[in-house]
Protein backbone atom coordinates (compact mmCIF):
# COMPACT_ATOMS: atom_id res chain seq x y z
CA MET A 1 23.82 0.25 0.64
CA GLU A 2 25.91 -0.33 -2.49
CA ASN A 3 27.28 2.89 -3.95
CA ASN A 4 25.91 2.32 -7.47
CA LYS A 5 22.35 1.74 -6.26
CA LEU A 6 20.04 4.71 -5.97
CA LEU A 7 17.26 2.77 -4.22
CA GLN A 8 17.44 -0.55 -2.39
CA VAL A 9 14.45 -2.23 -0.73
CA LYS A 10 15.42 -5.14 1.50
CA ASN A 11 13.11 -7.79 2.98
CA LEU A 12 10.14 -5.42 3.10
CA LYS A 13 7.16 -6.80 5.04
CA ILE A 14 3.92 -4.82 5.39
CA SER A 15 0.75 -5.77 7.24
CA PHE A 16 -2.79 -4.42 7.51
CA PRO A 17 -5.51 -4.98 10.12
CA TYR A 18 -7.75 -8.00 9.61
CA GLY A 19 -10.33 -8.33 12.36
CA LYS A 20 -8.41 -8.53 15.62
CA ASP A 21 -5.24 -9.67 13.85
CA ARG A 22 -2.88 -8.31 11.24
CA ILE A 23 -2.19 -9.92 7.88
CA GLN A 24 1.02 -9.47 5.90
CA VAL A 25 0.27 -8.52 2.31
CA VAL A 26 3.89 -7.74 1.40
CA ARG A 27 5.98 -10.66 2.62
CA GLY A 28 9.67 -9.96 2.08
CA VAL A 29 10.19 -7.87 -1.05
CA ASP A 30 13.68 -7.05 -2.32
CA LEU A 31 14.22 -4.72 -5.25
CA GLU A 32 16.74 -2.18 -6.52
CA VAL A 33 16.82 0.80 -8.87
CA GLY A 34 20.13 2.08 -10.17
CA GLU A 35 20.92 5.67 -11.12
CA GLY A 36 19.19 6.54 -14.39
CA GLU A 37 17.61 3.08 -14.64
CA ILE A 38 13.96 2.32 -15.49
CA VAL A 39 12.62 -0.68 -13.59
CA GLY A 40 9.16 -2.14 -14.18
CA ILE A 41 7.18 -3.77 -11.35
CA LEU A 42 4.63 -6.11 -12.93
CA GLY A 43 1.86 -8.30 -11.59
CA GLU A 44 -1.88 -8.72 -11.28
CA SER A 45 -4.00 -6.59 -8.98
CA GLY A 46 -3.40 -7.48 -5.35
CA SER A 47 0.18 -8.64 -5.89
CA GLY A 48 1.62 -5.94 -3.63
CA LYS A 49 3.05 -3.63 -6.28
CA THR A 50 1.43 -0.38 -5.13
CA VAL A 51 1.76 -1.09 -1.39
CA SER A 52 5.48 -1.76 -1.82
CA SER A 53 6.04 1.38 -3.88
CA THR A 54 4.08 3.73 -1.62
CA ALA A 55 6.07 2.37 1.35
CA VAL A 56 9.19 3.93 -0.16
CA LEU A 57 7.82 7.36 0.77
CA GLY A 58 6.05 6.27 3.95
CA LEU A 59 2.58 6.66 2.44
CA ILE A 60 0.91 3.49 3.75
CA SER A 61 0.03 4.63 7.28
CA ASP A 62 -3.21 6.33 6.14
CA GLY A 63 -4.64 2.87 5.51
CA ASP A 64 -3.44 1.51 8.85
CA GLY A 65 -0.58 -0.21 7.07
CA ARG A 66 2.50 -1.02 9.09
CA MET A 67 6.01 -1.93 8.06
CA ASP A 68 6.82 -4.98 10.17
CA GLU A 69 10.33 -5.49 8.87
CA GLY A 70 12.76 -4.33 6.22
CA GLU A 71 15.00 -1.53 5.05
CA ILE A 72 14.55 1.12 2.36
CA TRP A 73 17.85 2.71 1.40
CA PHE A 74 18.04 5.83 -0.75
CA LYS A 75 21.33 7.58 -1.50
CA GLY A 76 23.04 5.92 1.42
CA GLY A 77 20.40 6.44 4.10
CA ASP A 78 17.59 4.23 5.41
CA LEU A 79 14.34 6.10 4.80
CA LEU A 80 12.58 4.10 7.51
CA LYS A 81 14.84 5.62 10.14
CA LEU A 82 14.29 9.23 9.09
CA PRO A 83 12.07 11.53 11.18
CA GLU A 84 8.94 12.71 9.40
CA HIS A 85 10.20 16.25 8.77
CA LYS A 86 13.26 14.92 6.90
CA LEU A 87 11.15 12.47 4.91
CA GLU A 88 8.90 15.37 3.89
CA GLY A 89 11.97 17.06 2.45
CA ILE A 90 12.58 14.03 0.22
CA ARG A 91 8.99 13.54 -0.96
CA GLY A 92 8.50 15.42 -4.20
CA LYS A 93 12.00 16.87 -4.22
CA GLU A 94 14.24 13.82 -4.51
CA ILE A 95 11.63 11.10 -5.00
CA ALA A 96 8.41 11.99 -6.81
CA TYR A 97 5.30 9.82 -6.96
CA ILE A 98 2.82 9.86 -9.85
CA PHE A 99 -0.47 8.34 -8.72
CA GLN A 100 -2.61 6.04 -10.83
CA ASP A 101 -5.61 8.34 -11.30
CA PRO A 102 -4.31 11.64 -12.71
CA VAL A 103 -7.57 13.51 -12.15
CA ALA A 104 -8.12 12.38 -8.54
CA ALA A 105 -4.50 13.26 -7.73
CA LEU A 106 -5.20 16.95 -8.40
CA ASN A 107 -7.17 19.35 -6.21
CA PRO A 108 -10.31 20.22 -8.22
CA TYR A 109 -10.70 23.59 -6.45
CA ARG A 110 -7.27 25.01 -7.27
CA LYS A 111 -5.75 26.09 -10.56
CA VAL A 112 -3.01 23.77 -11.74
CA GLY A 113 -0.42 26.55 -11.67
CA ASN A 114 -1.11 27.16 -7.98
CA GLN A 115 -0.73 23.44 -7.26
CA ILE A 116 2.68 23.36 -8.91
CA GLN A 117 3.66 26.55 -7.06
CA GLU A 118 2.77 24.87 -3.76
CA ILE A 119 5.36 22.16 -4.35
CA ILE A 120 7.99 24.82 -5.02
CA LYS A 121 7.01 26.66 -1.86
CA VAL A 122 7.09 23.51 0.32
CA HIS A 123 10.62 22.73 -0.79
CA ARG A 124 11.74 26.38 -0.65
CA LEU A 125 12.96 26.52 -4.22
CA GLU A 126 13.44 29.57 -6.38
CA ILE A 127 11.56 28.74 -9.57
CA LYS A 128 9.71 31.52 -11.34
CA LYS A 129 6.59 31.12 -13.43
CA GLU A 130 8.71 31.06 -16.59
CA GLY A 131 10.52 27.99 -15.28
CA ILE A 132 7.21 26.24 -14.57
CA LEU A 133 5.93 27.02 -18.05
CA GLY A 134 9.19 25.68 -19.47
CA ILE A 135 8.67 22.33 -17.71
CA MET A 136 5.06 22.22 -18.91
CA GLU A 137 6.19 22.84 -22.46
CA ASP A 138 8.94 20.23 -22.14
CA ILE A 139 6.36 17.55 -21.37
CA GLY A 140 4.25 18.48 -24.37
CA LEU A 141 1.57 20.78 -22.93
CA ASP A 142 0.68 23.22 -25.70
CA ASN A 143 -0.65 26.60 -24.56
CA ALA A 144 1.12 26.15 -21.21
CA ASN A 145 0.36 29.71 -20.15
CA LEU A 146 -3.36 29.11 -20.67
CA ILE A 147 -3.38 25.72 -18.93
CA TYR A 148 -1.45 27.20 -15.99
CA ASN A 149 -4.57 29.19 -15.08
CA MET A 150 -7.09 26.39 -15.60
CA TYR A 151 -8.73 23.99 -13.14
CA PRO A 152 -8.31 20.20 -13.45
CA PHE A 153 -11.95 19.70 -14.49
CA GLN A 154 -11.29 21.90 -17.53
CA LEU A 155 -8.58 19.52 -18.76
CA SER A 156 -8.63 16.12 -20.43
CA GLY A 157 -7.31 12.99 -18.72
CA GLY A 158 -4.16 13.17 -20.81
CA GLN A 159 -3.58 16.81 -19.87
CA CYS A 160 -4.12 16.01 -16.17
CA GLN A 161 -1.59 13.20 -16.46
CA ARG A 162 0.94 15.62 -17.95
CA ILE A 163 0.27 18.08 -15.12
CA ASN A 164 1.05 15.29 -12.65
CA ILE A 165 4.26 14.59 -14.54
CA ALA A 166 5.10 18.32 -14.48
CA MET A 167 4.52 18.36 -10.71
CA ALA A 168 6.82 15.35 -10.40
CA MET A 169 9.50 16.95 -12.57
CA ILE A 170 9.46 20.50 -11.17
CA CYS A 171 12.05 19.69 -8.49
CA LYS A 172 14.09 17.53 -10.89
CA PRO A 173 13.99 14.45 -8.63
CA GLN A 174 16.48 11.63 -8.94
CA LEU A 175 13.71 9.02 -8.83
CA ILE A 176 10.14 8.99 -10.13
CA ILE A 177 7.70 6.27 -9.06
CA ALA A 178 4.80 6.06 -11.52
CA ASP A 179 1.80 3.88 -10.65
CA GLU A 180 0.02 2.60 -13.78
CA PRO A 181 0.88 5.81 -15.67
CA THR A 182 -1.14 4.91 -18.79
CA SER A 183 -4.16 3.11 -17.30
CA ALA A 184 -6.40 6.18 -16.98
CA ILE A 185 -5.74 7.78 -20.36
CA ASP A 186 -6.95 7.14 -23.90
CA ALA A 187 -5.07 4.61 -26.01
CA SER A 188 -4.22 7.38 -28.47
CA LEU A 189 -2.23 9.20 -25.74
CA ARG A 190 -0.58 6.09 -24.34
CA ARG A 191 2.45 6.11 -26.64
CA LYS A 192 2.92 9.86 -26.14
CA VAL A 193 3.08 9.48 -22.37
CA LEU A 194 5.51 6.55 -22.61
CA ASN A 195 7.70 8.52 -25.01
CA LEU A 196 7.58 11.38 -22.53
CA PHE A 197 8.96 9.16 -19.77
CA LYS A 198 11.74 8.06 -22.09
CA GLN A 199 12.60 11.66 -22.92
CA ILE A 200 12.66 12.65 -19.22
CA ASN A 201 14.92 9.71 -18.45
CA LYS A 202 17.30 10.61 -21.27
CA LYS A 203 17.33 14.39 -20.75
CA TYR A 204 17.54 14.52 -16.96
CA GLY A 205 18.95 11.08 -16.13
CA THR A 206 15.95 10.47 -13.90
CA ALA A 207 15.61 6.93 -12.56
CA MET A 208 12.10 5.48 -12.66
CA MET A 209 10.09 2.72 -11.05
CA ILE A 210 7.07 1.94 -13.23
CA ILE A 211 4.24 -0.03 -11.60
CA THR A 212 2.17 -1.73 -14.29
CA HIS A 213 0.33 -4.91 -15.29
CA ASP A 214 1.13 -4.35 -18.97
CA PHE A 215 4.08 -6.19 -20.53
CA ASP A 216 3.94 -3.90 -23.56
CA VAL A 217 4.68 -0.92 -21.30
CA ALA A 218 7.66 -2.78 -19.85
CA ARG A 219 8.86 -3.83 -23.29
CA PHE A 220 8.81 -0.26 -24.57
CA LEU A 221 10.07 1.59 -21.51
CA CYS A 222 11.98 -0.51 -18.99
CA ASP A 223 15.54 -1.78 -18.64
CA ARG A 224 14.68 -4.42 -16.07
CA VAL A 225 11.51 -6.09 -14.81
CA VAL A 226 10.43 -7.41 -11.40
CA ILE A 227 7.45 -9.81 -11.39
CA MET A 228 5.32 -9.81 -8.22
CA TYR A 229 2.58 -12.16 -7.06
CA GLY A 230 1.02 -12.81 -3.68
CA GLY A 231 3.11 -10.17 -1.93
CA LEU A 232 6.39 -11.66 -3.16
CA VAL A 233 8.90 -11.11 -5.94
CA MET A 234 8.59 -14.19 -8.16
CA GLU A 235 11.10 -13.35 -10.89
CA GLU A 236 13.50 -10.62 -11.96
CA GLY A 237 15.60 -10.02 -15.05
CA THR A 238 16.26 -7.70 -17.94
CA VAL A 239 13.31 -7.05 -20.22
CA GLN A 240 14.90 -9.25 -22.90
CA GLU A 241 15.51 -12.12 -20.44
CA ILE A 242 11.96 -12.01 -19.10
CA LEU A 243 10.33 -11.83 -22.52
CA GLU A 244 12.55 -14.37 -24.28
CA ASN A 245 13.39 -16.79 -21.49
CA PRO A 246 10.89 -16.60 -18.61
CA ILE A 247 11.60 -18.97 -15.73
CA HIS A 248 8.69 -18.80 -13.33
CA PRO A 249 5.45 -20.53 -14.44
CA TYR A 250 3.51 -17.39 -13.50
CA THR A 251 5.60 -15.25 -15.84
CA LYS A 252 5.17 -17.81 -18.62
CA GLU A 253 1.40 -17.79 -18.18
CA LEU A 254 1.24 -13.99 -18.27
CA LEU A 255 3.27 -13.92 -21.48
CA LYS A 256 0.96 -16.50 -23.08
CA CYS A 257 -1.99 -14.20 -22.32
CA VAL A 258 -0.17 -11.24 -23.87
CA ALA A 259 0.80 -13.21 -26.99
CA SER A 260 -2.76 -14.45 -27.44
CA LEU A 261 -4.11 -10.90 -27.27
CA ASN A 262 -1.44 -9.36 -29.52
CA GLU A 263 -1.84 -12.05 -32.18
CA GLY A 264 -5.61 -11.57 -32.26
CA GLU A 265 -6.46 -15.20 -31.61
CA ALA A 266 -10.14 -16.04 -31.97
CA SER A 267 -10.10 -17.75 -28.58
CA LEU A 268 -7.97 -15.74 -26.18
CA TYR A 269 -5.71 -17.62 -23.80
CA SER A 270 -6.52 -17.00 -20.14
CA LEU A 271 -4.76 -17.84 -16.91
CA GLU A 272 -6.99 -20.24 -14.99
CA GLY A 273 -8.04 -19.50 -11.44
CA MET A 274 -8.02 -16.27 -9.48
CA PRO A 275 -5.22 -14.28 -7.85
CA PRO A 276 -4.92 -15.06 -4.13
CA ASN A 277 -6.88 -12.96 -1.67
CA PRO A 278 -4.20 -10.95 0.19
CA TYR A 279 -5.98 -11.79 3.44
CA GLU A 280 -5.84 -15.53 2.77
CA LEU A 281 -2.16 -15.93 1.89
CA LYS A 282 -0.52 -19.08 3.25
CA LYS A 283 3.02 -20.29 3.86
CA GLU A 284 3.29 -21.90 0.44
CA CYS A 285 4.05 -20.77 -3.07
CA PRO A 286 1.15 -18.36 -3.73
CA PHE A 287 0.92 -19.57 -7.33
CA CYS A 288 0.91 -23.31 -6.64
CA ASP A 289 -2.88 -23.80 -6.93
CA ARG A 290 -2.87 -22.22 -10.42
CA CYS A 291 0.40 -23.78 -11.56
CA LYS A 292 0.52 -26.68 -14.03
CA HIS A 293 3.98 -27.69 -12.76
CA SER A 294 3.42 -27.68 -9.01
CA ILE A 295 4.89 -30.52 -6.96
CA ASP A 296 4.74 -31.39 -3.26
CA PRO A 297 7.50 -28.93 -2.16
CA CYS A 298 5.51 -26.04 -3.65
CA TRP A 299 2.83 -26.62 -1.00
CA GLU A 300 5.22 -27.16 1.88
CA GLY A 301 6.57 -23.60 2.18
CA ILE A 302 7.41 -20.42 0.30
CA PRO A 303 10.22 -21.32 -2.11
CA PRO A 304 13.46 -19.40 -1.59
CA MET A 305 14.69 -16.97 -4.20
CA VAL A 306 17.24 -18.62 -6.50
CA ASN A 307 19.92 -16.22 -7.75
CA LEU A 308 21.02 -17.27 -11.24
CA LYS A 309 23.25 -14.27 -11.93
CA GLU A 310 23.24 -10.56 -11.15
CA TYR A 311 19.70 -9.23 -11.55
CA ARG A 312 18.45 -12.64 -12.73
CA ARG A 313 16.55 -14.61 -10.12
CA ALA A 314 13.37 -16.61 -9.63
CA ARG A 315 11.35 -17.92 -6.67
CA CYS A 316 10.50 -21.42 -7.82
CA VAL A 317 11.43 -24.98 -6.85
CA HIS A 318 12.31 -25.61 -10.51
CA ALA A 319 14.60 -22.57 -10.82
CA GLU A 320 17.78 -24.48 -9.88
CA SER A 321 17.57 -26.31 -13.22
CA HIS A 322 18.19 -22.99 -15.00
CA LYS A 323 21.60 -22.46 -13.36
CA GLY A 324 24.57 -22.54 -15.67
């Protein structure tokens, strides 16, 4: 692992049962997160974003998922080689995960204060109630002392999301993985939550991996963006590079959809076709049957990743033309 990289995922391949066989739904993902960096993982549903991110903390086995190949390096050690008891010491303490549904992620039968206390107890930390209330206030929860003694069903979706963020922040982790952090909250709270992530990143230097399908979230929050489709990374670059000079046809199509929506066009632009069924992926470019620029080589195998410069790459047979 390179010293300046907090997290490195290398050639990650994950499969799930399919009848009597197994099907790979993540097919060789590489990604990195530097210290204090915010990286967005974008793509349509079924692209492999969530499966790849939950694999970082070994959370895919409940669904019979299996890591067939790959390495996941964090702070100089391969997480895949750690025994379970050592991985448990990293979950929540050094790497925190914020799940997509903030209400479902909380235990409805326990007060939120007790749920935060449980994390502190598991990791054997000395944090008093005053410290918990301080974190809750830092993330914008008014009346923190009152909310501390409430149940999740007594709170709004936005408040539950902030409780999840408080639970992620209580151990001051070096990395937070947030899965669609604004999808389950009202639009009026969306900007507040995104601003909150920015403040956490600036105040604590916390690195973040943001899983989203929303380019506006990436534009506002992220330093760098990774585009996924069909269980593969299709393109990577800085936010500015991706937005101003997309290379992969899939990225270009997504940006056309976003522009059409943001400009309020009477007839919204839509990407033709459907995302590939993860259980029907083939050894070809997964986007070729929806691509207006596909040629014979696109159908003959999965295109290799073309590295254009550091953190700028694309998986496309046309990518070589962008070199130099």
